PDB file of N, CA and C in Angstrom:
ATOM      1  N   MET A   1     -73.395 -59.993  24.496  1.00  0.00           N
ATOM      2  CA  MET A   1     -74.685 -59.463  24.856  1.00  0.00           C
ATOM      3  C   MET A   1     -75.498 -59.246  23.587  1.00  0.00           C
ATOM      4  N   THR A   2     -76.687 -59.804  23.531  1.00  0.00           N
ATOM      5  CA  THR A   2     -77.531 -59.642  22.353  1.00  0.00           C
ATOM      6  C   THR A   2     -78.322 -58.346  22.476  1.00  0.00           C
ATOM      7  N   PRO A   3     -78.460 -57.617  21.363  1.00  0.00           N
ATOM      8  CA  PRO A   3     -79.206 -56.362  21.431  1.00  0.00           C
ATOM      9  C   PRO A   3     -80.692 -56.622  21.659  1.00  0.00           C
ATOM     10  N   LYS A   4     -81.320 -55.731  22.426  1.00  0.00           N
ATOM     11  CA  LYS A   4     -82.745 -55.854  22.710  1.00  0.00           C
ATOM     12  C   LYS A   4     -83.526 -55.468  21.457  1.00  0.00           C
ATOM     13  N   PRO A   5     -84.509 -56.288  21.060  1.00  0.00           N
ATOM     14  CA  PRO A   5     -85.269 -55.948  19.859  1.00  0.00           C
ATOM     15  C   PRO A   5     -86.066 -54.667  20.072  1.00  0.00           C
ATOM     16  N   SER A   6     -86.310 -53.997  18.993  1.00  0.00           N
ATOM     17  CA  SER A   6     -87.051 -52.743  19.057  1.00  0.00           C
ATOM     18  C   SER A   6     -88.446 -52.974  19.624  1.00  0.00           C
ATOM     19  N   ALA A   7     -88.822 -52.134  20.576  1.00  0.00           N
ATOM     20  CA  ALA A   7     -90.149 -52.254  21.185  1.00  0.00           C
ATOM     21  C   ALA A   7     -91.239 -51.972  20.154  1.00  0.00           C
ATOM     22  N   ALA A   8     -90.977 -51.050  19.229  1.00  0.00           N
ATOM     23  CA  ALA A   8     -91.955 -50.734  18.186  1.00  0.00           C
ATOM     24  C   ALA A   8     -92.154 -51.932  17.259  1.00  0.00           C
ATOM     25  N   LEU A   9     -91.065 -52.610  16.923  1.00  0.00           N
ATOM     26  CA  LEU A   9     -91.174 -53.792  16.062  1.00  0.00           C
ATOM     27  C   LEU A   9     -91.925 -54.911  16.779  1.00  0.00           C
ATOM     28  N   ARG A  10     -91.624 -55.091  18.050  1.00  0.00           N
ATOM     29  CA  ARG A  10     -92.302 -56.130  18.828  1.00  0.00           C
ATOM     30  C   ARG A  10     -93.799 -55.822  18.944  1.00  0.00           C
ATOM     31  N   TYR A  11     -94.153 -54.577  19.217  1.00  0.00           N
ATOM     32  CA  TYR A  11     -95.559 -54.186  19.331  1.00  0.00           C
ATOM     33  C   TYR A  11     -96.279 -54.377  17.996  1.00  0.00           C
ATOM     34  N   THR A  12     -95.654 -53.939  16.914  1.00  0.00           N
ATOM     35  CA  THR A  12     -96.271 -54.064  15.591  1.00  0.00           C
ATOM     36  C   THR A  12     -96.480 -55.517  15.220  1.00  0.00           C
ATOM     37  N   THR A  13     -95.510 -56.360  15.507  1.00  0.00           N
ATOM     38  CA  THR A  13     -95.632 -57.787  15.208  1.00  0.00           C
ATOM     39  C   THR A  13     -96.759 -58.421  16.012  1.00  0.00           C
ATOM     40  N   MET A  14     -96.841 -58.072  17.288  1.00  0.00           N
ATOM     41  CA  MET A  14     -97.901 -58.643  18.122  1.00  0.00           C
ATOM     42  C   MET A  14     -99.273 -58.136  17.688  1.00  0.00           C
ATOM     43  N   ARG A  15     -99.356 -56.874  17.295  1.00  0.00           N
ATOM     44  CA  ARG A  15    -100.631 -56.320  16.833  1.00  0.00           C
ATOM     45  C   ARG A  15    -101.062 -56.991  15.535  1.00  0.00           C
ATOM     46  N   LEU A  16    -100.120 -57.213  14.636  1.00  0.00           N
ATOM     47  CA  LEU A  16    -100.422 -57.923  13.394  1.00  0.00           C
ATOM     48  C   LEU A  16    -100.868 -59.349  13.687  1.00  0.00           C
ATOM     49  N   GLY A  17    -100.238 -59.986  14.663  1.00  0.00           N
ATOM     50  CA  GLY A  17    -100.637 -61.338  15.057  1.00  0.00           C
ATOM     51  C   GLY A  17    -102.063 -61.382  15.581  1.00  0.00           C
ATOM     52  N   ILE A  18    -102.431 -60.397  16.392  1.00  0.00           N
ATOM     53  CA  ILE A  18    -103.808 -60.342  16.901  1.00  0.00           C
ATOM     54  C   ILE A  18    -104.781 -60.154  15.752  1.00  0.00           C
ATOM     55  N   PHE A  19    -104.434 -59.294  14.790  1.00  0.00           N
ATOM     56  CA  PHE A  19    -105.312 -59.077  13.645  1.00  0.00           C
ATOM     57  C   PHE A  19    -105.482 -60.361  12.827  1.00  0.00           C
ATOM     58  N   ILE A  20    -104.388 -61.055  12.562  1.00  0.00           N
ATOM     59  CA  ILE A  20    -104.463 -62.294  11.778  1.00  0.00           C
ATOM     60  C   ILE A  20    -105.283 -63.341  12.512  1.00  0.00           C
ATOM     61  N   LEU A  21    -105.086 -63.454  13.817  1.00  0.00           N
ATOM     62  CA  LEU A  21    -105.867 -64.403  14.609  1.00  0.00           C
ATOM     63  C   LEU A  21    -107.362 -64.062  14.542  1.00  0.00           C
ATOM     64  N   CYS A  22    -107.697 -62.786  14.676  1.00  0.00           N
ATOM     65  CA  CYS A  22    -109.100 -62.366  14.568  1.00  0.00           C
ATOM     66  C   CYS A  22    -109.648 -62.683  13.183  1.00  0.00           C
ATOM     67  N   PHE A  23    -108.848 -62.437  12.156  1.00  0.00           N
ATOM     68  CA  PHE A  23    -109.295 -62.709  10.791  1.00  0.00           C
ATOM     69  C   PHE A  23    -109.594 -64.195  10.593  1.00  0.00           C
ATOM     70  N   VAL A  24    -108.696 -65.046  11.075  1.00  0.00           N
ATOM     71  CA  VAL A  24    -108.882 -66.492  10.924  1.00  0.00           C
ATOM     72  C   VAL A  24    -110.118 -66.965  11.695  1.00  0.00           C
ATOM     73  N   VAL A  25    -110.259 -66.496  12.927  1.00  0.00           N
ATOM     74  CA  VAL A  25    -111.409 -66.912  13.745  1.00  0.00           C
ATOM     75  C   VAL A  25    -112.712 -66.427  13.114  1.00  0.00           C
ATOM     76  N   LEU A  26    -112.745 -65.175  12.700  1.00  0.00           N
ATOM     77  CA  LEU A  26    -113.968 -64.635  12.104  1.00  0.00           C
ATOM     78  C   LEU A  26    -114.280 -65.277  10.758  1.00  0.00           C
ATOM     79  N   ALA A  27    -113.259 -65.582   9.971  1.00  0.00           N
ATOM     80  CA  ALA A  27    -113.487 -66.279   8.700  1.00  0.00           C
ATOM     81  C   ALA A  27    -114.083 -67.660   8.966  1.00  0.00           C
ATOM     82  N   GLY A  28    -113.591 -68.328  10.001  1.00  0.00           N
ATOM     83  CA  GLY A  28    -114.164 -69.630  10.365  1.00  0.00           C
ATOM     84  C   GLY A  28    -115.617 -69.507  10.802  1.00  0.00           C
ATOM     85  N   LEU A  29    -115.922 -68.468  11.576  1.00  0.00           N
ATOM     86  CA  LEU A  29    -117.302 -68.260  12.019  1.00  0.00           C
ATOM     87  C   LEU A  29    -118.228 -67.908  10.852  1.00  0.00           C
ATOM     88  N   VAL A  30    -117.726 -67.168   9.887  1.00  0.00           N
ATOM     89  CA  VAL A  30    -118.524 -66.858   8.694  1.00  0.00           C
ATOM     90  C   VAL A  30    -118.726 -68.128   7.877  1.00  0.00           C
ATOM     91  N   ARG A  31    -117.680 -68.930   7.769  1.00  0.00           N
ATOM     92  CA  ARG A  31    -117.759 -70.182   7.007  1.00  0.00           C
ATOM     93  C   ARG A  31    -118.767 -71.136   7.651  1.00  0.00           C
ATOM     94  N   LEU A  32    -118.812 -71.139   8.984  1.00  0.00           N
ATOM     95  CA  LEU A  32    -119.756 -72.000   9.701  1.00  0.00           C
ATOM     96  C   LEU A  32    -121.152 -71.366   9.791  1.00  0.00           C
ATOM     97  N   ARG A  33    -121.295 -70.187   9.223  1.00  0.00           N
ATOM     98  CA  ARG A  33    -122.566 -69.442   9.186  1.00  0.00           C
ATOM     99  C   ARG A  33    -123.043 -69.009  10.580  1.00  0.00           C
ATOM    100  N   VAL A  34    -122.092 -68.837  11.505  1.00  0.00           N
ATOM    101  CA  VAL A  34    -122.416 -68.272  12.809  1.00  0.00           C
ATOM    102  C   VAL A  34    -122.570 -66.755  12.656  1.00  0.00           C
ATOM    103  N   LEU A  35    -121.718 -66.170  11.804  1.00  0.00           N
ATOM    104  CA  LEU A  35    -121.798 -64.753  11.468  1.00  0.00           C
ATOM    105  C   LEU A  35    -122.285 -64.622  10.034  1.00  0.00           C
ATOM    106  N   PRO A  36    -122.977 -63.543   9.718  1.00  0.00           N
ATOM    107  CA  PRO A  36    -123.454 -63.391   8.340  1.00  0.00           C
ATOM    108  C   PRO A  36    -122.295 -63.127   7.392  1.00  0.00           C
ATOM    109  N   SER A  37    -122.407 -63.650   6.190  1.00  0.00           N
ATOM    110  CA  SER A  37    -121.402 -63.366   5.168  1.00  0.00           C
ATOM    111  C   SER A  37    -121.766 -62.045   4.509  1.00  0.00           C
ATOM    112  N   GLY A  38    -120.820 -61.479   3.798  1.00  0.00           N
ATOM    113  CA  GLY A  38    -121.065 -60.210   3.122  1.00  0.00           C
ATOM    114  C   GLY A  38    -122.029 -60.378   1.965  1.00  0.00           C
ATOM    115  N   LEU A  39    -122.289 -59.292   1.283  1.00  0.00           N
ATOM    116  CA  LEU A  39    -123.191 -59.326   0.130  1.00  0.00           C
ATOM    117  C   LEU A  39    -122.441 -59.786  -1.105  1.00  0.00           C
ATOM    118  N   GLY A  40    -122.936 -60.762  -1.776  1.00  0.00           N
ATOM    119  CA  GLY A  40    -122.316 -61.245  -3.011  1.00  0.00           C
ATOM    120  C   GLY A  40    -120.911 -61.762  -2.787  1.00  0.00           C
ATOM    121  N   ASP A  41    -119.962 -61.160  -3.502  1.00  0.00           N
ATOM    122  CA  ASP A  41    -118.562 -61.594  -3.421  1.00  0.00           C
ATOM    123  C   ASP A  41    -117.758 -60.807  -2.382  1.00  0.00           C
ATOM    124  N   SER A  42    -118.399 -60.067  -1.529  1.00  0.00           N
ATOM    125  CA  SER A  42    -117.681 -59.229  -0.563  1.00  0.00           C
ATOM    126  C   SER A  42    -117.356 -59.969   0.730  1.00  0.00           C
ATOM    127  N   ASN A  43    -117.428 -61.281   0.718  1.00  0.00           N
ATOM    128  CA  ASN A  43    -117.229 -62.073   1.927  1.00  0.00           C
ATOM    129  C   ASN A  43    -115.901 -61.753   2.615  1.00  0.00           C
ATOM    130  N   TYR A  44    -114.778 -61.774   1.882  1.00  0.00           N
ATOM    131  CA  TYR A  44    -113.478 -61.552   2.509  1.00  0.00           C
ATOM    132  C   TYR A  44    -113.289 -60.099   2.917  1.00  0.00           C
ATOM    133  N   LEU A  45    -113.876 -59.182   2.178  1.00  0.00           N
ATOM    134  CA  LEU A  45    -113.819 -57.779   2.580  1.00  0.00           C
ATOM    135  C   LEU A  45    -114.579 -57.584   3.889  1.00  0.00           C
ATOM    136  N   TRP A  46    -115.731 -58.218   4.016  1.00  0.00           N
ATOM    137  CA  TRP A  46    -116.529 -58.162   5.246  1.00  0.00           C
ATOM    138  C   TRP A  46    -115.719 -58.712   6.420  1.00  0.00           C
ATOM    139  N   VAL A  47    -115.089 -59.854   6.226  1.00  0.00           N
ATOM    140  CA  VAL A  47    -114.305 -60.482   7.296  1.00  0.00           C
ATOM    141  C   VAL A  47    -113.103 -59.602   7.644  1.00  0.00           C
ATOM    142  N   LEU A  48    -112.475 -59.004   6.640  1.00  0.00           N
ATOM    143  CA  LEU A  48    -111.330 -58.127   6.865  1.00  0.00           C
ATOM    144  C   LEU A  48    -111.731 -56.925   7.720  1.00  0.00           C
ATOM    145  N   LEU A  49    -112.822 -56.278   7.344  1.00  0.00           N
ATOM    146  CA  LEU A  49    -113.280 -55.117   8.116  1.00  0.00           C
ATOM    147  C   LEU A  49    -113.696 -55.502   9.532  1.00  0.00           C
ATOM    148  N   LEU A  50    -114.376 -56.615   9.646  1.00  0.00           N
ATOM    149  CA  LEU A  50    -114.789 -57.084  10.961  1.00  0.00           C
ATOM    150  C   LEU A  50    -113.572 -57.425  11.834  1.00  0.00           C
ATOM    151  N   ALA A  51    -112.565 -58.037  11.218  1.00  0.00           N
ATOM    152  CA  ALA A  51    -111.340 -58.365  11.957  1.00  0.00           C
ATOM    153  C   ALA A  51    -110.630 -57.097  12.422  1.00  0.00           C
ATOM    154  N   LEU A  52    -110.637 -56.053  11.602  1.00  0.00           N
ATOM    155  CA  LEU A  52    -110.035 -54.778  12.012  1.00  0.00           C
ATOM    156  C   LEU A  52    -110.760 -54.198  13.215  1.00  0.00           C
ATOM    157  N   VAL A  53    -112.087 -54.223  13.156  1.00  0.00           N
ATOM    158  CA  VAL A  53    -112.889 -53.651  14.248  1.00  0.00           C
ATOM    159  C   VAL A  53    -112.708 -54.449  15.539  1.00  0.00           C
ATOM    160  N   VAL A  54    -112.623 -55.753  15.444  1.00  0.00           N
ATOM    161  CA  VAL A  54    -112.493 -56.595  16.640  1.00  0.00           C
ATOM    162  C   VAL A  54    -111.071 -56.534  17.201  1.00  0.00           C
ATOM    163  N   SER A  55    -110.068 -56.477  16.322  1.00  0.00           N
ATOM    164  CA  SER A  55    -108.676 -56.522  16.798  1.00  0.00           C
ATOM    165  C   SER A  55    -108.236 -55.213  17.449  1.00  0.00           C
ATOM    166  N   MET A  56    -108.858 -54.090  17.090  1.00  0.00           N
ATOM    167  CA  MET A  56    -108.449 -52.810  17.686  1.00  0.00           C
ATOM    168  C   MET A  56    -108.613 -52.773  19.203  1.00  0.00           C
ATOM    169  N   PRO A  57    -109.812 -53.026  19.728  1.00  0.00           N
ATOM    170  CA  PRO A  57    -109.930 -52.979  21.195  1.00  0.00           C
ATOM    171  C   PRO A  57    -109.132 -54.088  21.884  1.00  0.00           C
ATOM    172  N   LEU A  58    -109.019 -55.243  21.221  1.00  0.00           N
ATOM    173  CA  LEU A  58    -108.205 -56.315  21.807  1.00  0.00           C
ATOM    174  C   LEU A  58    -106.750 -55.858  21.940  1.00  0.00           C
ATOM    175  N   SER A  59    -106.237 -55.190  20.912  1.00  0.00           N
ATOM    176  CA  SER A  59    -104.862 -54.691  20.954  1.00  0.00           C
ATOM    177  C   SER A  59    -104.689 -53.648  22.048  1.00  0.00           C
ATOM    178  N   LEU A  60    -105.685 -52.789  22.202  1.00  0.00           N
ATOM    179  CA  LEU A  60    -105.599 -51.761  23.239  1.00  0.00           C
ATOM    180  C   LEU A  60    -105.485 -52.382  24.628  1.00  0.00           C
ATOM    181  N   VAL A  61    -106.220 -53.446  24.856  1.00  0.00           N
ATOM    182  CA  VAL A  61    -106.233 -54.075  26.175  1.00  0.00           C
ATOM    183  C   VAL A  61    -105.038 -55.015  26.356  1.00  0.00           C
ATOM    184  N   LEU A  62    -104.810 -55.869  25.380  1.00  0.00           N
ATOM    185  CA  LEU A  62    -103.798 -56.917  25.532  1.00  0.00           C
ATOM    186  C   LEU A  62    -102.357 -56.424  25.376  1.00  0.00           C
ATOM    187  N   LEU A  63    -102.164 -55.338  24.645  1.00  0.00           N
ATOM    188  CA  LEU A  63    -100.795 -54.899  24.362  1.00  0.00           C
ATOM    189  C   LEU A  63    -100.428 -53.611  25.091  1.00  0.00           C
ATOM    190  N   ARG A  64    -101.067 -53.353  26.216  1.00  0.00           N
ATOM    191  CA  ARG A  64    -100.805 -52.117  26.966  1.00  0.00           C
ATOM    192  C   ARG A  64     -99.341 -52.043  27.410  1.00  0.00           C
ATOM    193  N   ARG A  65     -98.808 -53.124  27.930  1.00  0.00           N
ATOM    194  CA  ARG A  65     -97.421 -53.119  28.422  1.00  0.00           C
ATOM    195  C   ARG A  65     -96.440 -52.869  27.274  1.00  0.00           C
ATOM    196  N   GLN A  66     -96.666 -53.524  26.133  1.00  0.00           N
ATOM    197  CA  GLN A  66     -95.780 -53.337  24.985  1.00  0.00           C
ATOM    198  C   GLN A  66     -95.864 -51.909  24.452  1.00  0.00           C
ATOM    199  N   ARG A  67     -97.063 -51.342  24.482  1.00  0.00           N
ATOM    200  CA  ARG A  67     -97.235 -49.967  24.024  1.00  0.00           C
ATOM    201  C   ARG A  67     -96.496 -49.005  24.955  1.00  0.00           C
ATOM    202  N   ASP A  68     -96.552 -49.259  26.257  1.00  0.00           N
ATOM    203  CA  ASP A  68     -95.825 -48.423  27.223  1.00  0.00           C
ATOM    204  C   ASP A  68     -94.314 -48.529  27.020  1.00  0.00           C
ATOM    205  N   GLU A  69     -93.826 -49.750  26.772  1.00  0.00           N
ATOM    206  CA  GLU A  69     -92.396 -49.943  26.510  1.00  0.00           C
ATOM    207  C   GLU A  69     -91.978 -49.194  25.249  1.00  0.00           C
ATOM    208  N   MET A  70     -92.809 -49.289  24.212  1.00  0.00           N
ATOM    209  CA  MET A  70     -92.504 -48.601  22.959  1.00  0.00           C
ATOM    210  C   MET A  70     -92.468 -47.089  23.187  1.00  0.00           C
ATOM    211  N   SER A  71     -93.423 -46.584  23.939  1.00  0.00           N
ATOM    212  CA  SER A  71     -93.479 -45.154  24.234  1.00  0.00           C
ATOM    213  C   SER A  71     -92.242 -44.709  25.003  1.00  0.00           C
ATOM    214  N   ALA A  72     -91.839 -45.493  25.996  1.00  0.00           N
ATOM    215  CA  ALA A  72     -90.650 -45.156  26.781  1.00  0.00           C
ATOM    216  C   ALA A  72     -89.399 -45.160  25.900  1.00  0.00           C
ATOM    217  N   GLN A  73     -89.320 -46.118  24.991  1.00  0.00           N
ATOM    218  CA  GLN A  73     -88.163 -46.195  24.096  1.00  0.00           C
ATOM    219  C   GLN A  73     -88.132 -44.983  23.154  1.00  0.00           C
ATOM    220  N   ILE A  74     -89.286 -44.590  22.656  1.00  0.00           N
ATOM    221  CA  ILE A  74     -89.342 -43.443  21.749  1.00  0.00           C
ATOM    222  C   ILE A  74     -89.002 -42.157  22.497  1.00  0.00           C
ATOM    223  N   VAL A  75     -89.513 -42.013  23.729  1.00  0.00           N
ATOM    224  CA  VAL A  75     -89.207 -40.822  24.524  1.00  0.00           C
ATOM    225  C   VAL A  75     -87.715 -40.756  24.817  1.00  0.00           C
ATOM    226  N   GLY A  76     -87.103 -41.892  25.131  1.00  0.00           N
ATOM    227  CA  GLY A  76     -85.666 -41.914  25.377  1.00  0.00           C
ATOM    228  C   GLY A  76     -84.870 -41.488  24.162  1.00  0.00           C
ATOM    229  N   ARG A  77     -85.263 -41.960  23.004  1.00  0.00           N
ATOM    230  CA  ARG A  77     -84.574 -41.564  21.767  1.00  0.00           C
ATOM    231  C   ARG A  77     -84.746 -40.075  21.498  1.00  0.00           C
ATOM    232  N   MET A  78     -85.941 -39.565  21.735  1.00  0.00           N
ATOM    233  CA  MET A  78     -86.196 -38.139  21.513  1.00  0.00           C
ATOM    234  C   MET A  78     -85.377 -37.285  22.484  1.00  0.00           C
ATOM    235  N   ASP A  79     -85.275 -37.714  23.735  1.00  0.00           N
ATOM    236  CA  ASP A  79     -84.472 -36.974  24.709  1.00  0.00           C
ATOM    237  C   ASP A  79     -83.006 -36.928  24.297  1.00  0.00           C
ATOM    238  N   ARG A  80     -82.470 -38.072  23.842  1.00  0.00           N
ATOM    239  CA  ARG A  80     -81.074 -38.095  23.387  1.00  0.00           C
ATOM    240  C   ARG A  80     -80.881 -37.203  22.169  1.00  0.00           C
ATOM    241  N   ALA A  81     -81.847 -37.202  21.252  1.00  0.00           N
ATOM    242  CA  ALA A  81     -81.748 -36.353  20.064  1.00  0.00           C
ATOM    243  C   ALA A  81     -81.788 -34.876  20.457  1.00  0.00           C
ATOM    244  N   LYS A  82     -82.636 -34.526  21.438  1.00  0.00           N
ATOM    245  CA  LYS A  82     -82.700 -33.135  21.899  1.00  0.00           C
ATOM    246  C   LYS A  82     -81.390 -32.720  22.559  1.00  0.00           C
ATOM    247  N   GLU A  83     -80.791 -33.630  23.334  1.00  0.00           N
ATOM    248  CA  GLU A  83     -79.510 -33.324  23.977  1.00  0.00           C
ATOM    249  C   GLU A  83     -78.431 -33.072  22.921  1.00  0.00           C
ATOM    250  N   ARG A  84     -78.394 -33.910  21.886  1.00  0.00           N
ATOM    251  CA  ARG A  84     -77.410 -33.712  20.819  1.00  0.00           C
ATOM    252  C   ARG A  84     -77.661 -32.389  20.096  1.00  0.00           C
ATOM    253  N   LEU A  85     -78.932 -32.071  19.862  1.00  0.00           N
ATOM    254  CA  LEU A  85     -79.268 -30.818  19.189  1.00  0.00           C
ATOM    255  C   LEU A  85     -78.853 -29.628  20.040  1.00  0.00           C
ATOM    256  N   ASP A  86     -79.116 -29.684  21.345  1.00  0.00           N
ATOM    257  CA  ASP A  86     -78.710 -28.597  22.240  1.00  0.00           C
ATOM    258  C   ASP A  86     -77.192 -28.454  22.275  1.00  0.00           C
ATOM    259  N   ALA A  87     -76.475 -29.577  22.281  1.00  0.00           N
ATOM    260  CA  ALA A  87     -75.016 -29.529  22.276  1.00  0.00           C
ATOM    261  C   ALA A  87     -74.510 -28.902  20.977  1.00  0.00           C
ATOM    262  N   ASN A  88     -75.130 -29.256  19.865  1.00  0.00           N
ATOM    263  CA  ASN A  88     -74.732 -28.672  18.582  1.00  0.00           C
ATOM    264  C   ASN A  88     -75.042 -27.181  18.545  1.00  0.00           C
ATOM    265  N   ARG A  89     -76.182 -26.780  19.105  1.00  0.00           N
ATOM    266  CA  ARG A  89     -76.517 -25.362  19.160  1.00  0.00           C
ATOM    267  C   ARG A  89     -75.504 -24.604  20.009  1.00  0.00           C
ATOM    268  N   GLY A  90     -75.096 -25.215  21.124  1.00  0.00           N
ATOM    269  CA  GLY A  90     -74.108 -24.579  21.985  1.00  0.00           C
ATOM    270  C   GLY A  90     -72.790 -24.368  21.265  1.00  0.00           C
ATOM    271  N   MET A  91     -72.362 -25.376  20.524  1.00  0.00           N
ATOM    272  CA  MET A  91     -71.123 -25.257  19.761  1.00  0.00           C
ATOM    273  C   MET A  91     -71.271 -24.177  18.689  1.00  0.00           C
ATOM    274  N   GLU A  92     -72.424 -24.138  18.055  1.00  0.00           N
ATOM    275  CA  GLU A  92     -72.678 -23.144  17.018  1.00  0.00           C
ATOM    276  C   GLU A  92     -72.686 -21.738  17.613  1.00  0.00           C
ATOM    277  N   ASP A  93     -73.323 -21.567  18.768  1.00  0.00           N
ATOM    278  CA  ASP A  93     -73.365 -20.263  19.430  1.00  0.00           C
ATOM    279  C   ASP A  93     -71.961 -19.800  19.813  1.00  0.00           C
ATOM    280  N   GLU A  94     -71.138 -20.720  20.310  1.00  0.00           N
ATOM    281  CA  GLU A  94     -69.760 -20.371  20.664  1.00  0.00           C
ATOM    282  C   GLU A  94     -68.986 -19.919  19.438  1.00  0.00           C
ATOM    283  N   ALA A  95     -69.183 -20.609  18.325  1.00  0.00           N
ATOM    284  CA  ALA A  95     -68.477 -20.237  17.091  1.00  0.00           C
ATOM    285  C   ALA A  95     -68.927 -18.857  16.611  1.00  0.00           C
ATOM    286  N   VAL A  96     -70.225 -18.578  16.706  1.00  0.00           N
ATOM    287  CA  VAL A  96     -70.733 -17.265  16.296  1.00  0.00           C
ATOM    288  C   VAL A  96     -70.195 -16.185  17.222  1.00  0.00           C
ATOM    289  N   ASP A  97     -70.182 -16.442  18.527  1.00  0.00           N
ATOM    290  CA  ASP A  97     -69.654 -15.465  19.484  1.00  0.00           C
ATOM    291  C   ASP A  97     -68.181 -15.174  19.214  1.00  0.00           C
ATOM    292  N   GLU A  98     -67.400 -16.215  18.933  1.00  0.00           N
ATOM    293  CA  GLU A  98     -65.975 -16.030  18.637  1.00  0.00           C
ATOM    294  C   GLU A  98     -65.796 -15.205  17.376  1.00  0.00           C
ATOM    295  N   ALA A  99     -66.606 -15.482  16.372  1.00  0.00           N
ATOM    296  CA  ALA A  99     -66.501 -14.729  15.119  1.00  0.00           C
ATOM    297  C   ALA A  99     -66.872 -13.263  15.344  1.00  0.00           C
ATOM    298  N   GLU A 100     -67.902 -13.016  16.144  1.00  0.00           N
ATOM    299  CA  GLU A 100     -68.297 -11.640  16.437  1.00  0.00           C
ATOM    300  C   GLU A 100     -67.208 -10.921  17.226  1.00  0.00           C
ATOM    301  N   ASP A 101     -66.580 -11.620  18.179  1.00  0.00           N
ATOM    302  CA  ASP A 101     -65.491 -11.013  18.959  1.00  0.00           C
ATOM    303  C   ASP A 101     -64.317 -10.667  18.058  1.00  0.00           C
ATOM    304  N   GLU A 102     -63.972 -11.572  17.154  1.00  0.00           N
ATOM    305  CA  GLU A 102     -62.854 -11.321  16.245  1.00  0.00           C
ATOM    306  C   GLU A 102     -63.171 -10.142  15.330  1.00  0.00           C
ATOM    307  N   THR A 103     -64.396 -10.034  14.871  1.00  0.00           N
ATOM    308  CA  THR A 103     -64.795  -8.927  14.011  1.00  0.00           C
ATOM    309  C   THR A 103     -64.734  -7.613  14.773  1.00  0.00           C
ATOM    310  N   ALA A 104     -65.198  -7.628  16.029  1.00  0.00           N
ATOM    311  CA  ALA A 104     -65.158  -6.421  16.858  1.00  0.00           C
ATOM    312  C   ALA A 104     -63.717  -6.015  17.148  1.00  0.00           C
ATOM    313  N   ASP A 105     -62.849  -6.978  17.447  1.00  0.00           N
ATOM    314  CA  ASP A 105     -61.437  -6.684  17.708  1.00  0.00           C
ATOM    315  C   ASP A 105     -60.777  -6.099  16.465  1.00  0.00           C
ATOM    316  N   ALA A 106     -61.082  -6.664  15.304  1.00  0.00           N
ATOM    317  CA  ALA A 106     -60.507  -6.167  14.056  1.00  0.00           C
ATOM    318  C   ALA A 106     -60.986  -4.751  13.778  1.00  0.00           C
ATOM    319  N   ALA A 107     -62.252  -4.465  14.068  1.00  0.00           N
ATOM    320  CA  ALA A 107     -62.789  -3.116  13.854  1.00  0.00           C
ATOM    321  C   ALA A 107     -62.113  -2.126  14.795  1.00  0.00           C
ATOM    322  N   GLU A 108     -61.884  -2.525  16.057  1.00  0.00           N
ATOM    323  CA  GLU A 108     -61.206  -1.640  17.003  1.00  0.00           C
ATOM    324  C   GLU A 108     -59.782  -1.351  16.560  1.00  0.00           C
ATOM    325  N   ARG A 109     -59.076  -2.367  16.102  1.00  0.00           N
ATOM    326  CA  ARG A 109     -57.687  -2.171  15.642  1.00  0.00           C
ATOM    327  C   ARG A 109     -57.671  -1.245  14.417  1.00  0.00           C
ATOM    328  N   ARG A 110     -58.635  -1.409  13.533  1.00  0.00           N
ATOM    329  CA  ARG A 110     -58.692  -0.575  12.333  1.00  0.00           C
ATOM    330  C   ARG A 110     -58.962   0.881  12.726  1.00  0.00           C
ATOM    331  N   ASN A 111     -59.873   1.070  13.696  1.00  0.00           N
ATOM    332  CA  ASN A 111     -60.164   2.431  14.159  1.00  0.00           C
ATOM    333  C   ASN A 111     -58.959   3.061  14.834  1.00  0.00           C
ATOM    334  N   GLU A 112     -58.229   2.278  15.610  1.00  0.00           N
ATOM    335  CA  GLU A 112     -57.034   2.795  16.302  1.00  0.00           C
ATOM    336  C   GLU A 112     -55.947   3.143  15.308  1.00  0.00           C
ATOM    337  N   SER A 113     -55.809   2.344  14.266  1.00  0.00           N
ATOM    338  CA  SER A 113     -54.735   2.612  13.298  1.00  0.00           C
ATOM    339  C   SER A 113     -55.088   3.805  12.411  1.00  0.00           C
ATOM    340  N   GLN A 114     -56.367   4.096  12.243  1.00  0.00           N
ATOM    341  CA  GLN A 114     -56.770   5.252  11.432  1.00  0.00           C
ATOM    342  C   GLN A 114     -56.616   6.536  12.192  1.00  0.00           C
ATOM    343  N   GLN A 115     -56.577   6.509  13.504  1.00  0.00           N
ATOM    344  CA  GLN A 115     -56.475   7.745  14.298  1.00  0.00           C
ATOM    345  C   GLN A 115     -55.070   8.132  14.448  1.00  0.00           C
TER     346      GLN A 115
END
């Protein structure tokens, strides 16, 4: 059985792919003078910023399912971590209770032997 790839890694890769695709398309449109180029030598910075602005809403719409899967995977991991933490706290509380009982028993024996 092959392990399922991380949903966060899959989402990040797909989001990066959308950004790169937007960058390439927008760079082509700037090169063809359909879109204005930046001022002076800022052409690639302009295209980069424009690609960021365009890819964000596209990612929100196109990657909704992957984002939900990633969220479910993260929630599952957090729930398991909380369960382990609660189990560790329970073990710790039992150890503290046992130590307190032993201390109380020792104090009672000491009081009885002094009388």
